[in-house]
């Protein structure tokens, strides 16, 4: 089956996207309900956009992000950690990858790589930032292969059970 990566109207496909995220990230119905409201709010922000990976008409992965804004919740949480490392300038002129998820049955096929390079190639900003669970995971390996480096580690988000790493990369992202 051919994989297609196209712009995604995430507001119209939020439930389909969150179903992928729930499976990929192990989220329960209550967490999905909270994230649904967050995604819908994010998609109203200036410059917010999403891309989806579909196969046989089914969404198998998605990414969304936006130009970073220091007033957004995520930035207010990570800023002290970045400032402590002299890296808080990364919060300016950056495109933030808010979410990137691929259904587990479709992982390790280059879909995540295609999604993140596609969305960052549309960014006007000179660099990108994101947060990922601070563990040696395939996701962190992917981000490193694209040029992302750790800016801060052991970042604690309210209600998140595991610490995160904040990573940044110059754009365009590194290609193989």
Protein backbone atom coordinates (compact mmCIF):
# COMPACT_ATOMS: atom_id res chain seq x y z
CA UNK A 1 0.00 0.00 0.00
CA UNK A 2 1.21 3.47 -0.83
CA UNK A 3 1.78 5.85 2.04
CA UNK A 4 0.62 9.43 1.49
CA UNK A 5 1.78 12.41 3.56
CA UNK A 6 -0.40 15.46 3.14
CA UNK A 7 -1.53 18.51 5.09
CA UNK A 8 -4.08 17.39 7.67
CA UNK A 9 -7.11 19.33 8.90
CA UNK A 10 -6.40 18.24 12.45
CA UNK A 11 -9.49 19.91 13.89
CA UNK A 12 -11.68 17.83 11.56
CA UNK A 13 -9.68 14.64 12.20
CA UNK A 14 -8.85 15.12 15.88
CA UNK A 15 -10.51 11.90 17.05
CA UNK A 16 -8.78 9.80 14.39
CA UNK A 17 -5.42 11.39 15.26
CA UNK A 18 -5.91 10.95 18.99
CA UNK A 19 -6.79 7.29 18.44
CA UNK A 20 -3.31 6.87 16.89
CA UNK A 21 -1.73 8.82 19.77
CA UNK A 22 -3.62 6.79 22.38
CA UNK A 23 -2.28 3.51 20.96
CA UNK A 24 1.25 4.86 20.37
CA UNK A 25 1.50 6.59 23.76
CA UNK A 26 -0.74 4.35 25.89
CA UNK A 27 -3.37 6.94 26.76
CA UNK A 28 -6.67 6.19 28.43
CA UNK A 29 -10.04 7.77 27.55
CA UNK A 30 -9.74 10.51 30.19
CA UNK A 31 -6.32 11.59 28.91
CA UNK A 32 -7.61 11.54 25.32
CA UNK A 33 -10.54 13.78 26.31
CA UNK A 34 -8.16 16.33 27.87
CA UNK A 35 -5.78 16.20 24.89
CA UNK A 36 -8.70 16.64 22.47
CA UNK A 37 -9.43 20.08 23.95
CA UNK A 38 -5.73 20.99 23.88
CA UNK A 39 -5.34 20.00 20.22
CA UNK A 40 -8.45 21.93 19.20
CA UNK A 41 -7.16 25.02 21.05
CA UNK A 42 -3.68 24.67 19.54
CA UNK A 43 -5.07 24.54 16.01
CA UNK A 44 -6.47 28.07 16.50
CA UNK A 45 -2.97 29.50 17.13
CA UNK A 46 -1.29 31.52 14.38
CA UNK A 47 0.85 29.32 12.15
CA UNK A 48 -0.35 26.01 13.66
CA UNK A 49 -0.41 23.23 11.10
CA UNK A 50 -0.53 19.47 10.82
CA UNK A 51 0.41 16.70 8.42
CA UNK A 52 -0.96 13.20 8.34
CA UNK A 53 0.33 9.91 6.98
CA UNK A 54 -2.42 7.80 5.45
CA UNK A 55 -2.35 4.32 4.05
CA UNK A 56 -5.38 2.82 2.33
CA UNK A 57 -7.35 5.86 3.49
CA UNK A 58 -6.52 5.32 7.19
CA UNK A 59 -4.50 7.73 9.30
CA UNK A 60 -1.40 5.87 10.55
CA UNK A 61 0.57 8.85 11.83
CA UNK A 62 0.44 12.59 12.32
CA UNK A 63 2.50 15.56 13.36
CA UNK A 64 1.52 19.05 14.35
CA UNK A 65 3.31 22.13 15.47
CA UNK A 66 3.48 25.90 15.38
CA UNK A 67 5.82 28.84 15.75
CA UNK A 68 6.83 28.90 19.41
CA UNK A 69 5.38 31.57 21.66
CA UNK A 70 6.90 32.18 25.11
CA UNK A 71 3.38 32.83 26.46
CA UNK A 72 2.21 29.28 25.61
CA UNK A 73 1.99 26.81 28.49
CA UNK A 74 4.73 24.49 27.18
CA UNK A 75 7.21 27.37 26.91
CA UNK A 76 6.44 28.58 30.43
CA UNK A 77 7.20 25.08 31.79
CA UNK A 78 10.45 24.49 29.87
CA UNK A 79 11.83 28.05 30.06
CA UNK A 80 13.38 27.77 33.57
CA UNK A 81 15.12 24.52 32.60
CA UNK A 82 16.47 26.08 29.39
CA UNK A 83 17.48 29.30 31.17
CA UNK A 84 19.44 27.29 33.76
CA UNK A 85 21.50 25.85 30.88
CA UNK A 86 21.81 29.18 29.02
CA UNK A 87 19.58 27.85 26.24
CA UNK A 88 16.37 29.87 26.65
CA UNK A 89 17.06 31.79 23.42
CA UNK A 90 15.80 28.59 21.70
CA UNK A 91 12.28 29.67 22.67
CA UNK A 92 12.53 32.54 20.17
CA UNK A 93 12.37 32.07 16.40
CA UNK A 94 11.68 28.35 16.73
CA UNK A 95 9.05 26.04 15.28
CA UNK A 96 7.84 23.70 18.01
CA UNK A 97 6.87 20.12 17.21
CA UNK A 98 3.91 19.73 19.53
CA UNK A 99 3.03 16.10 18.79
CA UNK A 100 4.41 13.38 16.50
CA UNK A 101 2.89 9.92 16.67
CA UNK A 102 2.91 6.86 14.44
CA UNK A 103 0.74 3.81 15.04
CA UNK A 104 2.96 1.03 16.46
CA UNK A 105 2.16 -1.31 13.54
CA UNK A 106 3.60 1.32 11.18
CA UNK A 107 6.69 2.38 13.15
CA UNK A 108 10.27 1.87 11.95
CA UNK A 109 9.31 2.53 8.33
CA UNK A 110 10.43 6.15 8.03
CA UNK A 111 6.94 7.60 8.58
CA UNK A 112 7.91 9.69 11.61
CA UNK A 113 10.99 10.97 9.77
CA UNK A 114 8.88 11.92 6.74
CA UNK A 115 6.26 13.65 8.88
CA UNK A 116 8.70 15.76 10.90
CA UNK A 117 10.84 16.76 7.91
CA UNK A 118 7.72 17.64 5.90
CA UNK A 119 6.29 19.91 8.59
CA UNK A 120 9.60 21.59 9.46
CA UNK A 121 10.28 22.21 5.76
CA UNK A 122 7.20 24.49 5.86
CA UNK A 123 8.57 26.54 8.78
CA UNK A 124 9.84 30.09 8.35
CA UNK A 125 11.79 29.82 11.61
CA UNK A 126 15.51 28.95 11.49
CA UNK A 127 15.24 26.17 14.09
CA UNK A 128 12.93 23.67 15.73
CA UNK A 129 12.37 22.55 19.31
CA UNK A 130 10.43 19.71 20.88
CA UNK A 131 10.17 17.65 24.04
CA UNK A 132 10.40 13.89 24.32
CA UNK A 133 10.35 11.48 27.23
CA UNK A 134 13.89 11.57 28.64
CA UNK A 135 14.87 8.00 27.93
CA UNK A 136 16.94 6.27 25.27
CA UNK A 137 14.02 5.57 22.93
CA UNK A 138 13.58 5.09 19.18
CA UNK A 139 11.93 8.54 19.10
CA UNK A 140 14.98 10.21 20.66
CA UNK A 141 17.21 8.28 18.24
CA UNK A 142 15.14 9.61 15.34
CA UNK A 143 15.38 13.17 16.62
CA UNK A 144 19.17 12.90 17.08
CA UNK A 145 19.55 11.52 13.53
CA UNK A 146 17.72 14.63 12.28
CA UNK A 147 20.11 16.98 14.10
CA UNK A 148 18.23 17.57 17.35
CA UNK A 149 20.45 17.91 20.43
CA UNK A 150 19.55 17.96 24.10
CA UNK A 151 18.99 21.49 25.39
CA UNK A 152 17.69 20.44 28.82
CA UNK A 153 17.00 17.09 30.47
CA UNK A 154 14.90 15.87 33.38
CA UNK A 155 12.24 18.48 32.60
CA UNK A 156 9.15 17.86 34.71
CA UNK A 157 5.71 18.67 33.34
CA UNK A 158 2.79 18.90 35.79
CA UNK A 159 0.87 15.60 35.80
CA UNK A 160 3.44 13.84 33.57
CA UNK A 161 4.79 10.75 35.35
CA UNK A 162 8.15 10.74 33.51
CA UNK A 163 10.73 13.48 32.95
CA UNK A 164 11.24 14.89 29.47
CA UNK A 165 14.18 16.20 27.47
CA UNK A 166 13.88 19.40 25.45
CA UNK A 167 15.72 19.10 22.13
CA UNK A 168 16.55 21.62 19.43
CA UNK A 169 17.82 21.49 15.85
CA UNK A 170 18.66 23.98 13.13
CA UNK A 171 16.39 23.93 10.09
CA UNK A 172 16.28 22.40 7.60
CA UNK A 173 16.61 19.12 9.48
CA UNK A 174 19.50 16.83 8.61
CA UNK A 175 18.79 14.30 5.87
CA UNK A 176 20.36 10.85 5.63
